Amino acid sequence: QSFAHWRDVNGCVSASPDTTTQPGPTS
């Protein structure tokens, strides 16, 4: 929810994250 609020107040275009990565097996 906090992540989504920063998306909204920053005017991010996409409804879902533009990129998703895995810097480690569980992260």
mmCIF file of all heavy atoms, coordinates in Angstrom:
data_MODEL
# 
_entry.id   MODEL 
# 
loop_
_atom_site.group_PDB 
_atom_site.id 
_atom_site.type_symbol 
_atom_site.label_atom_id 
_atom_site.label_alt_id 
_atom_site.label_comp_id 
_atom_site.label_asym_id 
_atom_site.label_entity_id 
_atom_site.label_seq_id 
_atom_site.pdbx_PDB_ins_code 
_atom_site.Cartn_x 
_atom_site.Cartn_y 
_atom_site.Cartn_z 
_atom_site.occupancy 
_atom_site.B_iso_or_equiv 
_atom_site.pdbx_formal_charge 
_atom_site.auth_seq_id 
_atom_site.auth_comp_id 
_atom_site.auth_asym_id 
_atom_site.auth_atom_id 
_atom_site.pdbx_PDB_model_num 
ATOM 1   N N   . GLN A 1 1  ? 0.829  -1.203  0.000   1.00 0.00 ? 1  GLN A N   1 
ATOM 2   C CA  . GLN A 1 1  ? 0.000  0.000   0.000   1.00 0.00 ? 1  GLN A CA  1 
ATOM 3   C C   . GLN A 1 1  ? 0.867  1.258   0.000   1.00 0.00 ? 1  GLN A C   1 
ATOM 4   O O   . GLN A 1 1  ? 0.566  2.237   -0.698  1.00 0.00 ? 1  GLN A O   1 
ATOM 5   C CB  . GLN A 1 1  ? -0.925 0.000   1.215   1.00 0.00 ? 1  GLN A CB  1 
ATOM 6   C CG  . GLN A 1 1  ? -2.064 -1.000  1.132   1.00 0.00 ? 1  GLN A CG  1 
ATOM 7   C CD  . GLN A 1 1  ? -2.817 -1.125  2.439   1.00 0.00 ? 1  GLN A CD  1 
ATOM 8   O OE1 . GLN A 1 1  ? -2.263 -0.948  3.535   1.00 0.00 ? 1  GLN A OE1 1 
ATOM 9   N NE2 . GLN A 1 1  ? -4.119 -1.444  2.342   1.00 0.00 ? 1  GLN A NE2 1 
ATOM 10  N N   . SER A 1 2  ? 1.941  1.232   0.781   1.00 0.00 ? 2  SER A N   1 
ATOM 11  C CA  . SER A 1 2  ? 2.864  2.362   0.802   1.00 0.00 ? 2  SER A CA  1 
ATOM 12  C C   . SER A 1 2  ? 3.508  2.550   -0.572  1.00 0.00 ? 2  SER A C   1 
ATOM 13  O O   . SER A 1 2  ? 3.624  3.673   -1.084  1.00 0.00 ? 2  SER A O   1 
ATOM 14  C CB  . SER A 1 2  ? 3.938  2.116   1.871   1.00 0.00 ? 2  SER A CB  1 
ATOM 15  O OG  . SER A 1 2  ? 4.832  3.213   1.972   1.00 0.00 ? 2  SER A OG  1 
ATOM 16  N N   . PHE A 1 3  ? 3.910  1.438   -1.171  1.00 0.00 ? 3  PHE A N   1 
ATOM 17  C CA  . PHE A 1 3  ? 4.494  1.446   -2.515  1.00 0.00 ? 3  PHE A CA  1 
ATOM 18  C C   . PHE A 1 3  ? 3.517  2.052   -3.524  1.00 0.00 ? 3  PHE A C   1 
ATOM 19  O O   . PHE A 1 3  ? 3.883  2.899   -4.360  1.00 0.00 ? 3  PHE A O   1 
ATOM 20  C CB  . PHE A 1 3  ? 4.841  -0.003  -2.873  1.00 0.00 ? 3  PHE A CB  1 
ATOM 21  C CG  . PHE A 1 3  ? 5.551  -0.216  -4.183  1.00 0.00 ? 3  PHE A CG  1 
ATOM 22  C CD1 . PHE A 1 3  ? 6.438  0.723   -4.700  1.00 0.00 ? 3  PHE A CD1 1 
ATOM 23  C CD2 . PHE A 1 3  ? 5.347  -1.396  -4.894  1.00 0.00 ? 3  PHE A CD2 1 
ATOM 24  C CE1 . PHE A 1 3  ? 7.106  0.494   -5.902  1.00 0.00 ? 3  PHE A CE1 1 
ATOM 25  C CE2 . PHE A 1 3  ? 6.005  -1.636  -6.086  1.00 0.00 ? 3  PHE A CE2 1 
ATOM 26  C CZ  . PHE A 1 3  ? 6.889  -0.691  -6.598  1.00 0.00 ? 3  PHE A CZ  1 
ATOM 27  N N   . ALA A 1 4  ? 2.269  1.663   -3.450  1.00 0.00 ? 4  ALA A N   1 
ATOM 28  C CA  . ALA A 1 4  ? 1.253  2.172   -4.365  1.00 0.00 ? 4  ALA A CA  1 
ATOM 29  C C   . ALA A 1 4  ? 1.011  3.666   -4.163  1.00 0.00 ? 4  ALA A C   1 
ATOM 30  O O   . ALA A 1 4  ? 0.749  4.410   -5.127  1.00 0.00 ? 4  ALA A O   1 
ATOM 31  C CB  . ALA A 1 4  ? -0.054 1.398   -4.189  1.00 0.00 ? 4  ALA A CB  1 
ATOM 32  N N   . HIS A 1 5  ? 1.102  4.129   -2.905  1.00 0.00 ? 5  HIS A N   1 
ATOM 33  C CA  . HIS A 1 5  ? 0.918  5.563   -2.663  1.00 0.00 ? 5  HIS A CA  1 
ATOM 34  C C   . HIS A 1 5  ? 2.033  6.367   -3.322  1.00 0.00 ? 5  HIS A C   1 
ATOM 35  O O   . HIS A 1 5  ? 1.769  7.405   -3.947  1.00 0.00 ? 5  HIS A O   1 
ATOM 36  C CB  . HIS A 1 5  ? 0.867  5.855   -1.161  1.00 0.00 ? 5  HIS A CB  1 
ATOM 37  C CG  . HIS A 1 5  ? 0.619  7.306   -0.862  1.00 0.00 ? 5  HIS A CG  1 
ATOM 38  N ND1 . HIS A 1 5  ? -0.623 7.883   -0.977  1.00 0.00 ? 5  HIS A ND1 1 
ATOM 39  C CD2 . HIS A 1 5  ? 1.466  8.296   -0.470  1.00 0.00 ? 5  HIS A CD2 1 
ATOM 40  C CE1 . HIS A 1 5  ? -0.547 9.170   -0.662  1.00 0.00 ? 5  HIS A CE1 1 
ATOM 41  N NE2 . HIS A 1 5  ? 0.714  9.444   -0.350  1.00 0.00 ? 5  HIS A NE2 1 
ATOM 42  N N   . TRP A 1 6  ? 3.261  5.893   -3.202  1.00 0.00 ? 6  TRP A N   1 
ATOM 43  C CA  . TRP A 1 6  ? 4.368  6.601   -3.866  1.00 0.00 ? 6  TRP A CA  1 
ATOM 44  C C   . TRP A 1 6  ? 4.181  6.569   -5.380  1.00 0.00 ? 6  TRP A C   1 
ATOM 45  O O   . TRP A 1 6  ? 4.494  7.538   -6.076  1.00 0.00 ? 6  TRP A O   1 
ATOM 46  C CB  . TRP A 1 6  ? 5.711  5.992   -3.462  1.00 0.00 ? 6  TRP A CB  1 
ATOM 47  C CG  . TRP A 1 6  ? 6.178  6.453   -2.114  1.00 0.00 ? 6  TRP A CG  1 
ATOM 48  C CD1 . TRP A 1 6  ? 6.366  5.699   -0.993  1.00 0.00 ? 6  TRP A CD1 1 
ATOM 49  C CD2 . TRP A 1 6  ? 6.493  7.795   -1.744  1.00 0.00 ? 6  TRP A CD2 1 
ATOM 50  N NE1 . TRP A 1 6  ? 6.783  6.496   0.055   1.00 0.00 ? 6  TRP A NE1 1 
ATOM 51  C CE2 . TRP A 1 6  ? 6.868  7.783   -0.384  1.00 0.00 ? 6  TRP A CE2 1 
ATOM 52  C CE3 . TRP A 1 6  ? 6.495  9.007   -2.435  1.00 0.00 ? 6  TRP A CE3 1 
ATOM 53  C CZ2 . TRP A 1 6  ? 7.253  8.932   0.291   1.00 0.00 ? 6  TRP A CZ2 1 
ATOM 54  C CZ3 . TRP A 1 6  ? 6.875  10.164  -1.759  1.00 0.00 ? 6  TRP A CZ3 1 
ATOM 55  C CH2 . TRP A 1 6  ? 7.240  10.121  -0.412  1.00 0.00 ? 6  TRP A CH2 1 
ATOM 56  N N   . ARG A 1 7  ? 3.672  5.473   -5.906  1.00 0.00 ? 7  ARG A N   1 
ATOM 57  C CA  . ARG A 1 7  ? 3.355  5.422   -7.341  1.00 0.00 ? 7  ARG A CA  1 
ATOM 58  C C   . ARG A 1 7  ? 2.370  6.523   -7.712  1.00 0.00 ? 7  ARG A C   1 
ATOM 59  O O   . ARG A 1 7  ? 2.553  7.249   -8.701  1.00 0.00 ? 7  ARG A O   1 
ATOM 60  C CB  . ARG A 1 7  ? 2.760  4.052   -7.673  1.00 0.00 ? 7  ARG A CB  1 
ATOM 61  C CG  . ARG A 1 7  ? 2.245  3.911   -9.110  1.00 0.00 ? 7  ARG A CG  1 
ATOM 62  C CD  . ARG A 1 7  ? 1.257  2.763   -9.223  1.00 0.00 ? 7  ARG A CD  1 
ATOM 63  N NE  . ARG A 1 7  ? 0.053  3.001   -8.413  1.00 0.00 ? 7  ARG A NE  1 
ATOM 64  C CZ  . ARG A 1 7  ? -0.794 2.056   -8.043  1.00 0.00 ? 7  ARG A CZ  1 
ATOM 65  N NH1 . ARG A 1 7  ? -0.583 0.793   -8.371  1.00 0.00 ? 7  ARG A NH1 1 
ATOM 66  N NH2 . ARG A 1 7  ? -1.863 2.370   -7.313  1.00 0.00 ? 7  ARG A NH2 1 
ATOM 67  N N   . ASP A 1 8  ? 1.334  6.676   -6.907  1.00 0.00 ? 8  ASP A N   1 
ATOM 68  C CA  . ASP A 1 8  ? 0.271  7.616   -7.238  1.00 0.00 ? 8  ASP A CA  1 
ATOM 69  C C   . ASP A 1 8  ? 0.727  9.073   -7.110  1.00 0.00 ? 8  ASP A C   1 
ATOM 70  O O   . ASP A 1 8  ? 0.462  9.892   -7.999  1.00 0.00 ? 8  ASP A O   1 
ATOM 71  C CB  . ASP A 1 8  ? -0.940 7.366   -6.350  1.00 0.00 ? 8  ASP A CB  1 
ATOM 72  C CG  . ASP A 1 8  ? -1.595 6.010   -6.620  1.00 0.00 ? 8  ASP A CG  1 
ATOM 73  O OD1 . ASP A 1 8  ? -1.327 5.423   -7.683  1.00 0.00 ? 8  ASP A OD1 1 
ATOM 74  O OD2 . ASP A 1 8  ? -2.349 5.543   -5.744  1.00 0.00 ? 8  ASP A OD2 1 
ATOM 75  N N   . VAL A 1 9  ? 1.396  9.425   -6.005  1.00 0.00 ? 9  VAL A N   1 
ATOM 76  C CA  . VAL A 1 9  ? 1.788  10.825  -5.821  1.00 0.00 ? 9  VAL A CA  1 
ATOM 77  C C   . VAL A 1 9  ? 2.891  11.226  -6.783  1.00 0.00 ? 9  VAL A C   1 
ATOM 78  O O   . VAL A 1 9  ? 3.094  12.427  -7.028  1.00 0.00 ? 9  VAL A O   1 
ATOM 79  C CB  . VAL A 1 9  ? 2.214  11.119  -4.361  1.00 0.00 ? 9  VAL A CB  1 
ATOM 80  C CG1 . VAL A 1 9  ? 1.059  10.915  -3.404  1.00 0.00 ? 9  VAL A CG1 1 
ATOM 81  C CG2 . VAL A 1 9  ? 3.430  10.307  -3.952  1.00 0.00 ? 9  VAL A CG2 1 
ATOM 82  N N   . ASN A 1 10 ? 3.615  10.263  -7.337  1.00 0.00 ? 10 ASN A N   1 
ATOM 83  C CA  . ASN A 1 10 ? 4.658  10.563  -8.314  1.00 0.00 ? 10 ASN A CA  1 
ATOM 84  C C   . ASN A 1 10 ? 4.156  10.481  -9.751  1.00 0.00 ? 10 ASN A C   1 
ATOM 85  O O   . ASN A 1 10 ? 4.942  10.617  -10.691 1.00 0.00 ? 10 ASN A O   1 
ATOM 86  C CB  . ASN A 1 10 ? 5.849  9.623   -8.120  1.00 0.00 ? 10 ASN A CB  1 
ATOM 87  C CG  . ASN A 1 10 ? 6.696  10.026  -6.932  1.00 0.00 ? 10 ASN A CG  1 
ATOM 88  O OD1 . ASN A 1 10 ? 7.008  11.194  -6.757  1.00 0.00 ? 10 ASN A OD1 1 
ATOM 89  N ND2 . ASN A 1 10 ? 7.073  9.059   -6.113  1.00 0.00 ? 10 ASN A ND2 1 
ATOM 90  N N   . GLY A 1 11 ? 2.880  10.249  -9.927  1.00 0.00 ? 11 GLY A N   1 
ATOM 91  C CA  . GLY A 1 11 ? 2.307  10.260  -11.257 1.00 0.00 ? 11 GLY A CA  1 
ATOM 92  C C   . GLY A 1 11 ? 2.830  9.161   -12.165 1.00 0.00 ? 11 GLY A C   1 
ATOM 93  O O   . GLY A 1 11 ? 2.937  9.357   -13.392 1.00 0.00 ? 11 GLY A O   1 
ATOM 94  N N   . CYS A 1 12 ? 3.139  8.010   -11.602 1.00 0.00 ? 12 CYS A N   1 
ATOM 95  C CA  . CYS A 1 12 ? 3.631  6.901   -12.421 1.00 0.00 ? 12 CYS A CA  1 
ATOM 96  C C   . CYS A 1 12 ? 2.517  6.409   -13.340 1.00 0.00 ? 12 CYS A C   1 
ATOM 97  O O   . CYS A 1 12 ? 1.367  6.283   -12.929 1.00 0.00 ? 12 CYS A O   1 
ATOM 98  C CB  . CYS A 1 12 ? 4.142  5.770   -11.536 1.00 0.00 ? 12 CYS A CB  1 
ATOM 99  S SG  . CYS A 1 12 ? 5.442  6.283   -10.372 1.00 0.00 ? 12 CYS A SG  1 
ATOM 100 N N   . VAL A 1 13 ? 2.871  6.118   -14.570 1.00 0.00 ? 13 VAL A N   1 
ATOM 101 C CA  . VAL A 1 13 ? 1.878  5.837   -15.600 1.00 0.00 ? 13 VAL A CA  1 
ATOM 102 C C   . VAL A 1 13 ? 1.250  4.460   -15.438 1.00 0.00 ? 13 VAL A C   1 
ATOM 103 O O   . VAL A 1 13 ? 0.032  4.295   -15.566 1.00 0.00 ? 13 VAL A O   1 
ATOM 104 C CB  . VAL A 1 13 ? 2.518  5.976   -16.999 1.00 0.00 ? 13 VAL A CB  1 
ATOM 105 C CG1 . VAL A 1 13 ? 1.541  5.526   -18.081 1.00 0.00 ? 13 VAL A CG1 1 
ATOM 106 C CG2 . VAL A 1 13 ? 2.969  7.411   -17.233 1.00 0.00 ? 13 VAL A CG2 1 
ATOM 107 N N   . SER A 1 14 ? 2.049  3.460   -15.130 1.00 0.00 ? 14 SER A N   1 
ATOM 108 C CA  . SER A 1 14 ? 1.572  2.081   -15.134 1.00 0.00 ? 14 SER A CA  1 
ATOM 109 C C   . SER A 1 14 ? 0.810  1.752   -13.855 1.00 0.00 ? 14 SER A C   1 
ATOM 110 O O   . SER A 1 14 ? 1.112  2.268   -12.774 1.00 0.00 ? 14 SER A O   1 
ATOM 111 C CB  . SER A 1 14 ? 2.748  1.114   -15.281 1.00 0.00 ? 14 SER A CB  1 
ATOM 112 O OG  . SER A 1 14 ? 3.507  1.414   -16.428 1.00 0.00 ? 14 SER A OG  1 
ATOM 113 N N   . ALA A 1 15 ? -0.165 0.864   -13.981 1.00 0.00 ? 15 ALA A N   1 
ATOM 114 C CA  . ALA A 1 15 ? -0.893 0.384   -12.810 1.00 0.00 ? 15 ALA A CA  1 
ATOM 115 C C   . ALA A 1 15 ? -0.077 -0.654  -12.048 1.00 0.00 ? 15 ALA A C   1 
ATOM 116 O O   . ALA A 1 15 ? -0.215 -0.797  -10.832 1.00 0.00 ? 15 ALA A O   1 
ATOM 117 C CB  . ALA A 1 15 ? -2.232 -0.205  -13.224 1.00 0.00 ? 15 ALA A CB  1 
ATOM 118 N N   . SER A 1 16 ? 0.764  -1.391  -12.761 1.00 0.00 ? 16 SER A N   1 
ATOM 119 C CA  . SER A 1 16 ? 1.621  -2.410  -12.168 1.00 0.00 ? 16 SER A CA  1 
ATOM 120 C C   . SER A 1 16 ? 3.079  -2.026  -12.384 1.00 0.00 ? 16 SER A C   1 
ATOM 121 O O   . SER A 1 16 ? 3.394  -1.266  -13.313 1.00 0.00 ? 16 SER A O   1 
ATOM 122 C CB  . SER A 1 16 ? 1.351  -3.783  -12.787 1.00 0.00 ? 16 SER A CB  1 
ATOM 123 O OG  . SER A 1 16 ? 0.005  -4.155  -12.595 1.00 0.00 ? 16 SER A OG  1 
ATOM 124 N N   . PRO A 1 17 ? 4.003  -2.509  -11.550 1.00 0.00 ? 17 PRO A N   1 
ATOM 125 C CA  . PRO A 1 17 ? 5.418  -2.154  -11.711 1.00 0.00 ? 17 PRO A CA  1 
ATOM 126 C C   . PRO A 1 17 ? 5.919  -2.420  -13.126 1.00 0.00 ? 17 PRO A C   1 
ATOM 127 O O   . PRO A 1 17 ? 5.540  -3.413  -13.768 1.00 0.00 ? 17 PRO A O   1 
ATOM 128 C CB  . PRO A 1 17 ? 6.114  -3.047  -10.682 1.00 0.00 ? 17 PRO A CB  1 
ATOM 129 C CG  . PRO A 1 17 ? 5.075  -3.272  -9.623  1.00 0.00 ? 17 PRO A CG  1 
ATOM 130 C CD  . PRO A 1 17 ? 3.784  -3.362  -10.364 1.00 0.00 ? 17 PRO A CD  1 
ATOM 131 N N   . ASP A 1 18 ? 6.777  -1.522  -13.607 1.00 0.00 ? 18 ASP A N   1 
ATOM 132 C CA  . ASP A 1 18 ? 7.319  -1.654  -14.954 1.00 0.00 ? 18 ASP A CA  1 
ATOM 133 C C   . ASP A 1 18 ? 8.403  -2.725  -15.028 1.00 0.00 ? 18 ASP A C   1 
ATOM 134 O O   . ASP A 1 18 ? 8.594  -3.343  -16.085 1.00 0.00 ? 18 ASP A O   1 
ATOM 135 C CB  . ASP A 1 18 ? 7.902  -0.313  -15.415 1.00 0.00 ? 18 ASP A CB  1 
ATOM 136 C CG  . ASP A 1 18 ? 6.845  0.776   -15.443 1.00 0.00 ? 18 ASP A CG  1 
ATOM 137 O OD1 . ASP A 1 18 ? 5.848  0.610   -16.157 1.00 0.00 ? 18 ASP A OD1 1 
ATOM 138 O OD2 . ASP A 1 18 ? 7.019  1.791   -14.738 1.00 0.00 ? 18 ASP A OD2 1 
ATOM 139 N N   . THR A 1 19 ? 9.134  -2.917  -13.933 1.00 0.00 ? 19 THR A N   1 
ATOM 140 C CA  . THR A 1 19 ? 10.173 -3.939  -13.911 1.00 0.00 ? 19 THR A CA  1 
ATOM 141 C C   . THR A 1 19 ? 10.120 -4.700  -12.596 1.00 0.00 ? 19 THR A C   1 
ATOM 142 O O   . THR A 1 19 ? 9.774  -4.138  -11.554 1.00 0.00 ? 19 THR A O   1 
ATOM 143 C CB  . THR A 1 19 ? 11.584 -3.334  -14.059 1.00 0.00 ? 19 THR A CB  1 
ATOM 144 O OG1 . THR A 1 19 ? 11.870 -2.506  -12.917 1.00 0.00 ? 19 THR A OG1 1 
ATOM 145 C CG2 . THR A 1 19 ? 11.688 -2.489  -15.321 1.00 0.00 ? 19 THR A CG2 1 
ATOM 146 N N   . THR A 1 20 ? 10.461 -5.961  -12.652 1.00 0.00 ? 20 THR A N   1 
ATOM 147 C CA  . THR A 1 20 ? 10.583 -6.791  -11.455 1.00 0.00 ? 20 THR A CA  1 
ATOM 148 C C   . THR A 1 20 ? 11.829 -7.665  -11.618 1.00 0.00 ? 20 THR A C   1 
ATOM 149 O O   . THR A 1 20 ? 11.972 -8.344  -12.635 1.00 0.00 ? 20 THR A O   1 
ATOM 150 C CB  . THR A 1 20 ? 9.351  -7.677  -11.241 1.00 0.00 ? 20 THR A CB  1 
ATOM 151 O OG1 . THR A 1 20 ? 8.185  -6.846  -11.125 1.00 0.00 ? 20 THR A OG1 1 
ATOM 152 C CG2 . THR A 1 20 ? 9.492  -8.505  -9.974  1.00 0.00 ? 20 THR A CG2 1 
ATOM 153 N N   . THR A 1 21 ? 12.715 -7.617  -10.630 1.00 0.00 ? 21 THR A N   1 
ATOM 154 C CA  . THR A 1 21 ? 13.948 -8.398  -10.676 1.00 0.00 ? 21 THR A CA  1 
ATOM 155 C C   . THR A 1 21 ? 14.090 -9.206  -9.397  1.00 0.00 ? 21 THR A C   1 
ATOM 156 O O   . THR A 1 21 ? 13.434 -8.918  -8.385  1.00 0.00 ? 21 THR A O   1 
ATOM 157 C CB  . THR A 1 21 ? 15.177 -7.486  -10.842 1.00 0.00 ? 21 THR A CB  1 
ATOM 158 O OG1 . THR A 1 21 ? 15.237 -6.569  -9.730  1.00 0.00 ? 21 THR A OG1 1 
ATOM 159 C CG2 . THR A 1 21 ? 15.092 -6.683  -12.131 1.00 0.00 ? 21 THR A CG2 1 
ATOM 160 N N   . GLN A 1 22 ? 14.974 -10.192 -9.446  1.00 0.00 ? 22 GLN A N   1 
ATOM 161 C CA  . GLN A 1 22 ? 15.291 -11.000 -8.277  1.00 0.00 ? 22 GLN A CA  1 
ATOM 162 C C   . GLN A 1 22 ? 16.782 -10.889 -7.989  1.00 0.00 ? 22 GLN A C   1 
ATOM 163 O O   . GLN A 1 22 ? 17.587 -11.607 -8.583  1.00 0.00 ? 22 GLN A O   1 
ATOM 164 C CB  . GLN A 1 22 ? 14.903 -12.458 -8.493  1.00 0.00 ? 22 GLN A CB  1 
ATOM 165 C CG  . GLN A 1 22 ? 13.421 -12.728 -8.292  1.00 0.00 ? 22 GLN A CG  1 
ATOM 166 C CD  . GLN A 1 22 ? 13.125 -14.207 -8.165  1.00 0.00 ? 22 GLN A CD  1 
ATOM 167 O OE1 . GLN A 1 22 ? 13.112 -14.924 -9.153  1.00 0.00 ? 22 GLN A OE1 1 
ATOM 168 N NE2 . GLN A 1 22 ? 12.883 -14.633 -6.933  1.00 0.00 ? 22 GLN A NE2 1 
ATOM 169 N N   . PRO A 1 23 ? 17.173 -9.973  -7.085  1.00 0.00 ? 23 PRO A N   1 
ATOM 170 C CA  . PRO A 1 23 ? 18.594 -9.834  -6.764  1.00 0.00 ? 23 PRO A CA  1 
ATOM 171 C C   . PRO A 1 23 ? 19.148 -11.028 -5.994  1.00 0.00 ? 23 PRO A C   1 
ATOM 172 O O   . PRO A 1 23 ? 20.363 -11.174 -5.866  1.00 0.00 ? 23 PRO A O   1 
ATOM 173 C CB  . PRO A 1 23 ? 18.643 -8.555  -5.926  1.00 0.00 ? 23 PRO A CB  1 
ATOM 174 C CG  . PRO A 1 23 ? 17.272 -8.434  -5.345  1.00 0.00 ? 23 PRO A CG  1 
ATOM 175 C CD  . PRO A 1 23 ? 16.340 -8.994  -6.366  1.00 0.00 ? 23 PRO A CD  1 
ATOM 176 N N   . GLY A 1 24 ? 18.277 -11.861 -5.461  1.00 0.00 ? 24 GLY A N   1 
ATOM 177 C CA  . GLY A 1 24 ? 18.665 -13.071 -4.756  1.00 0.00 ? 24 GLY A CA  1 
ATOM 178 C C   . GLY A 1 24 ? 17.542 -14.077 -4.818  1.00 0.00 ? 24 GLY A C   1 
ATOM 179 O O   . GLY A 1 24 ? 16.406 -13.742 -5.200  1.00 0.00 ? 24 GLY A O   1 
ATOM 180 N N   . PRO A 1 25 ? 17.795 -15.319 -4.437  1.00 0.00 ? 25 PRO A N   1 
ATOM 181 C CA  . PRO A 1 25 ? 16.783 -16.380 -4.563  1.00 0.00 ? 25 PRO A CA  1 
ATOM 182 C C   . PRO A 1 25 ? 15.473 -16.083 -3.850  1.00 0.00 ? 25 PRO A C   1 
ATOM 183 O O   . PRO A 1 25 ? 14.403 -16.499 -4.310  1.00 0.00 ? 25 PRO A O   1 
ATOM 184 C CB  . PRO A 1 25 ? 17.486 -17.604 -3.968  1.00 0.00 ? 25 PRO A CB  1 
ATOM 185 C CG  . PRO A 1 25 ? 18.942 -17.317 -4.118  1.00 0.00 ? 25 PRO A CG  1 
ATOM 186 C CD  . PRO A 1 25 ? 19.084 -15.837 -3.949  1.00 0.00 ? 25 PRO A CD  1 
ATOM 187 N N   . THR A 1 26 ? 15.529 -15.383 -2.691  1.00 0.00 ? 26 THR A N   1 
ATOM 188 C CA  . THR A 1 26 ? 14.302 -15.132 -1.926  1.00 0.00 ? 26 THR A CA  1 
ATOM 189 C C   . THR A 1 26 ? 13.892 -13.666 -1.938  1.00 0.00 ? 26 THR A C   1 
ATOM 190 O O   . THR A 1 26 ? 13.002 -13.269 -1.188  1.00 0.00 ? 26 THR A O   1 
ATOM 191 C CB  . THR A 1 26 ? 14.478 -15.596 -0.469  1.00 0.00 ? 26 THR A CB  1 
ATOM 192 O OG1 . THR A 1 26 ? 15.428 -14.745 0.188   1.00 0.00 ? 26 THR A OG1 1 
ATOM 193 C CG2 . THR A 1 26 ? 14.958 -17.041 -0.400  1.00 0.00 ? 26 THR A CG2 1 
ATOM 194 N N   . SER A 1 27 ? 14.538 -12.856 -2.762  1.00 0.00 ? 27 SER A N   1 
ATOM 195 C CA  . SER A 1 27 ? 14.304 -11.415 -2.760  1.00 0.00 ? 27 SER A CA  1 
ATOM 196 C C   . SER A 1 27 ? 13.735 -10.957 -4.103  1.00 0.00 ? 27 SER A C   1 
ATOM 197 O O   . SER A 1 27 ? 14.110 -11.482 -5.153  1.00 0.00 ? 27 SER A O   1 
ATOM 198 C CB  . SER A 1 27 ? 15.609 -10.660 -2.479  1.00 0.00 ? 27 SER A CB  1 
ATOM 199 O OG  . SER A 1 27 ? 16.197 -11.087 -1.272  1.00 0.00 ? 27 SER A OG  1 
# 
